[in-house]
């Protein structure tokens, strides 16, 4: 009986130590996974922002080119006005403003010709 008591007193702390180390290992792995997820999320958010800014810049360029052309022509076709309006709407949704708004307002005042 004494041998059993000694064995239990010796083995119990070892079992608890092993379980504790295993739990520490699992928690560390879980934290690493969470950190990797957060890093990937940050990278995705950065990529989305860069795509948004790039798209906005392209739309601004196209709006300015198109509007300048039709302002010089002093008239615009319905299809061209619709295309410019769609570009401008997307541009505004992406946060655009400034010169593109100014030339778009001028284009809306042009004579529409078939």
C-alpha atoms as a PDB file:
ATOM      1  CA  UNK A   1       0.000   0.000   0.000  1.00  0.00           C
ATOM      2  CA  UNK A   2       2.857   2.337   0.803  1.00  0.00           C
ATOM      3  CA  UNK A   3       4.320   1.669  -2.617  1.00  0.00           C
ATOM      4  CA  UNK A   4       1.054   2.660  -4.265  1.00  0.00           C
ATOM      5  CA  UNK A   5       0.917   5.906  -2.273  1.00  0.00           C
ATOM      6  CA  UNK A   6       4.496   6.737  -3.192  1.00  0.00           C
ATOM      7  CA  UNK A   7       3.810   5.938  -6.836  1.00  0.00           C
ATOM      8  CA  UNK A   8       0.667   8.114  -6.885  1.00  0.00           C
ATOM      9  CA  UNK A   9       2.478  10.971  -5.142  1.00  0.00           C
ATOM     10  CA  UNK A  10       5.295  10.749  -7.700  1.00  0.00           C
ATOM     11  CA  UNK A  11       3.239  10.168 -10.868  1.00  0.00           C
ATOM     12  CA  UNK A  12       0.455  12.701 -10.209  1.00  0.00           C
ATOM     13  CA  UNK A  13       2.721  15.762 -10.386  1.00  0.00           C
ATOM     14  CA  UNK A  14       4.368  14.375 -13.528  1.00  0.00           C
ATOM     15  CA  UNK A  15       1.008  13.889 -15.193  1.00  0.00           C
ATOM     16  CA  UNK A  16      -0.022  17.425 -14.232  1.00  0.00           C
ATOM     17  CA  UNK A  17       3.282  18.777 -15.526  1.00  0.00           C
ATOM     18  CA  UNK A  18       2.869  16.989 -18.867  1.00  0.00           C
ATOM     19  CA  UNK A  19      -0.721  18.176 -19.218  1.00  0.00           C
ATOM     20  CA  UNK A  20       0.324  21.727 -18.329  1.00  0.00           C
ATOM     21  CA  UNK A  21       3.136  21.711 -20.901  1.00  0.00           C
ATOM     22  CA  UNK A  22       0.801  20.297 -23.541  1.00  0.00           C
ATOM     23  CA  UNK A  23      -1.775  23.018 -22.827  1.00  0.00           C
ATOM     24  CA  UNK A  24       0.940  25.693 -23.015  1.00  0.00           C
ATOM     25  CA  UNK A  25       2.018  24.292 -26.386  1.00  0.00           C
ATOM     26  CA  UNK A  26      -1.559  24.258 -27.722  1.00  0.00           C
ATOM     27  CA  UNK A  27      -2.227  27.807 -26.507  1.00  0.00           C
ATOM     28  CA  UNK A  28       1.002  29.029 -28.109  1.00  0.00           C
ATOM     29  CA  UNK A  29       0.061  27.381 -31.414  1.00  0.00           C
ATOM     30  CA  UNK A  30      -3.413  28.921 -31.243  1.00  0.00           C
ATOM     31  CA  UNK A  31      -1.933  32.370 -30.587  1.00  0.00           C
ATOM     32  CA  UNK A  32       0.407  31.945 -33.558  1.00  0.00           C
ATOM     33  CA  UNK A  33      -2.549  31.078 -35.779  1.00  0.00           C
ATOM     34  CA  UNK A  34      -4.494  34.097 -34.538  1.00  0.00           C
ATOM     35  CA  UNK A  35      -1.502  36.355 -35.135  1.00  0.00           C
ATOM     36  CA  UNK A  36      -1.109  34.984 -38.672  1.00  0.00           C
ATOM     37  CA  UNK A  37      -4.828  35.617 -39.293  1.00  0.00           C
ATOM     38  CA  UNK A  38      -4.510  39.208 -38.085  1.00  0.00           C
ATOM     39  CA  UNK A  39      -1.465  39.746 -40.308  1.00  0.00           C
ATOM     40  CA  UNK A  40      -3.288  38.342 -43.352  1.00  0.00           C
ATOM     41  CA  UNK A  41      -6.293  40.549 -42.561  1.00  0.00           C
ATOM     42  CA  UNK A  42      -4.042  43.627 -42.442  1.00  0.00           C
ATOM     43  CA  UNK A  43      -2.463  42.647 -45.754  1.00  0.00           C
ATOM     44  CA  UNK A  44      -5.897  42.179 -47.340  1.00  0.00           C
ATOM     45  CA  UNK A  45      -7.083  45.541 -46.044  1.00  0.00           C
ATOM     46  CA  UNK A  46      -3.936  47.197 -47.434  1.00  0.00           C
ATOM     47  CA  UNK A  47      -4.453  45.524 -50.824  1.00  0.00           C
ATOM     48  CA  UNK A  48      -8.091  46.596 -50.924  1.00  0.00           C
ATOM     49  CA  UNK A  49      -7.099  50.190 -50.125  1.00  0.00           C
ATOM     50  CA  UNK A  50      -4.452  50.155 -52.851  1.00  0.00           C
ATOM     51  CA  UNK A  51      -6.953  48.747 -55.369  1.00  0.00           C
ATOM     52  CA  UNK A  52      -9.500  51.374 -54.357  1.00  0.00           C
ATOM     53  CA  UNK A  53      -6.984  54.189 -54.767  1.00  0.00           C
ATOM     54  CA  UNK A  54      -5.771  52.807 -58.100  1.00  0.00           C
ATOM     55  CA  UNK A  55      -9.302  52.433 -59.425  1.00  0.00           C
ATOM     56  CA  UNK A  56     -10.136  55.941 -58.269  1.00  0.00           C
ATOM     57  CA  UNK A  57      -7.056  57.329 -60.059  1.00  0.00           C
ATOM     58  CA  UNK A  58      -7.954  55.516 -63.300  1.00  0.00           C
ATOM     59  CA  UNK A  59     -11.556  56.736 -63.128  1.00  0.00           C
ATOM     60  CA  UNK A  60     -10.393  60.295 -62.458  1.00  0.00           C
ATOM     61  CA  UNK A  61      -8.070  60.158 -65.463  1.00  0.00           C
ATOM     62  CA  UNK A  62     -10.788  58.771 -67.752  1.00  0.00           C
ATOM     63  CA  UNK A  63     -13.351  61.295 -66.523  1.00  0.00           C
ATOM     64  CA  UNK A  64     -10.956  64.193 -67.100  1.00  0.00           C
ATOM     65  CA  UNK A  65      -9.968  62.939 -70.570  1.00  0.00           C
ATOM     66  CA  UNK A  66     -13.536  62.297 -71.671  1.00  0.00           C
ATOM     67  CA  UNK A  67     -14.933  65.501 -70.235  1.00  0.00           C
ATOM     68  CA  UNK A  68     -12.140  67.616 -71.700  1.00  0.00           C
ATOM     69  CA  UNK A  69     -12.757  66.081 -75.134  1.00  0.00           C
ATOM     70  CA  UNK A  70     -16.491  66.770 -75.094  1.00  0.00           C
ATOM     71  CA  UNK A  71     -16.100  70.236 -73.598  1.00  0.00           C
ATOM     72  CA  UNK A  72     -13.821  71.086 -76.538  1.00  0.00           C
ATOM     73  CA  UNK A  73     -16.435  69.608 -78.926  1.00  0.00           C
ATOM     74  CA  UNK A  74     -19.145  71.668 -77.159  1.00  0.00           C
ATOM     75  CA  UNK A  75     -21.546  68.728 -77.409  1.00  0.00           C
ATOM     76  CA  UNK A  76     -21.891  65.129 -76.212  1.00  0.00           C
ATOM     77  CA  UNK A  77     -23.754  61.989 -77.244  1.00  0.00           C
ATOM     78  CA  UNK A  78     -26.255  60.354 -74.897  1.00  0.00           C
ATOM     79  CA  UNK A  79     -24.105  57.212 -74.681  1.00  0.00           C
ATOM     80  CA  UNK A  80     -20.965  59.197 -73.839  1.00  0.00           C
ATOM     81  CA  UNK A  81     -22.859  61.148 -71.172  1.00  0.00           C
ATOM     82  CA  UNK A  82     -24.171  57.899 -69.680  1.00  0.00           C
ATOM     83  CA  UNK A  83     -20.668  56.385 -69.628  1.00  0.00           C
ATOM     84  CA  UNK A  84     -19.174  59.476 -68.005  1.00  0.00           C
ATOM     85  CA  UNK A  85     -22.006  59.553 -65.465  1.00  0.00           C
ATOM     86  CA  UNK A  86     -21.392  55.907 -64.542  1.00  0.00           C
ATOM     87  CA  UNK A  87     -17.670  56.530 -64.159  1.00  0.00           C
ATOM     88  CA  UNK A  88     -18.322  59.627 -62.087  1.00  0.00           C
ATOM     89  CA  UNK A  89     -20.804  57.809 -59.818  1.00  0.00           C
ATOM     90  CA  UNK A  90     -18.248  55.073 -59.111  1.00  0.00           C
ATOM     91  CA  UNK A  91     -15.525  57.683 -58.645  1.00  0.00           C
ATOM     92  CA  UNK A  92     -17.609  59.505 -56.018  1.00  0.00           C
ATOM     93  CA  UNK A  93     -18.440  56.254 -54.205  1.00  0.00           C
ATOM     94  CA  UNK A  94     -14.700  55.621 -53.933  1.00  0.00           C
ATOM     95  CA  UNK A  95     -14.251  59.033 -52.306  1.00  0.00           C
ATOM     96  CA  UNK A  96     -13.256  61.091 -55.337  1.00  0.00           C
ATOM     97  CA  UNK A  97     -13.796  64.829 -55.549  1.00  0.00           C
ATOM     98  CA  UNK A  98     -12.208  68.009 -56.909  1.00  0.00           C
ATOM     99  CA  UNK A  99     -11.424  68.712 -60.541  1.00  0.00           C
ATOM    100  CA  UNK A 100     -13.348  65.685 -61.829  1.00  0.00           C
ATOM    101  CA  UNK A 101     -16.507  67.083 -60.238  1.00  0.00           C
ATOM    102  CA  UNK A 102     -15.915  70.452 -61.865  1.00  0.00           C
ATOM    103  CA  UNK A 103     -15.507  69.068 -65.407  1.00  0.00           C
ATOM    104  CA  UNK A 104     -18.361  66.600 -64.930  1.00  0.00           C
ATOM    105  CA  UNK A 105     -20.684  69.462 -64.028  1.00  0.00           C
ATOM    106  CA  UNK A 106     -19.571  71.271 -67.205  1.00  0.00           C
ATOM    107  CA  UNK A 107     -20.248  68.187 -69.342  1.00  0.00           C
ATOM    108  CA  UNK A 108     -23.772  67.846 -67.924  1.00  0.00           C
ATOM    109  CA  UNK A 109     -24.499  71.326 -69.291  1.00  0.00           C
ATOM    110  CA  UNK A 110     -23.410  70.463 -72.846  1.00  0.00           C
ATOM    111  CA  UNK A 111     -25.825  70.050 -75.720  1.00  0.00           C
ATOM    112  CA  UNK A 112     -26.728  66.372 -76.158  1.00  0.00           C
ATOM    113  CA  UNK A 113     -26.611  65.328 -79.807  1.00  0.00           C
ATOM    114  CA  UNK A 114     -27.424  61.993 -81.390  1.00  0.00           C
END
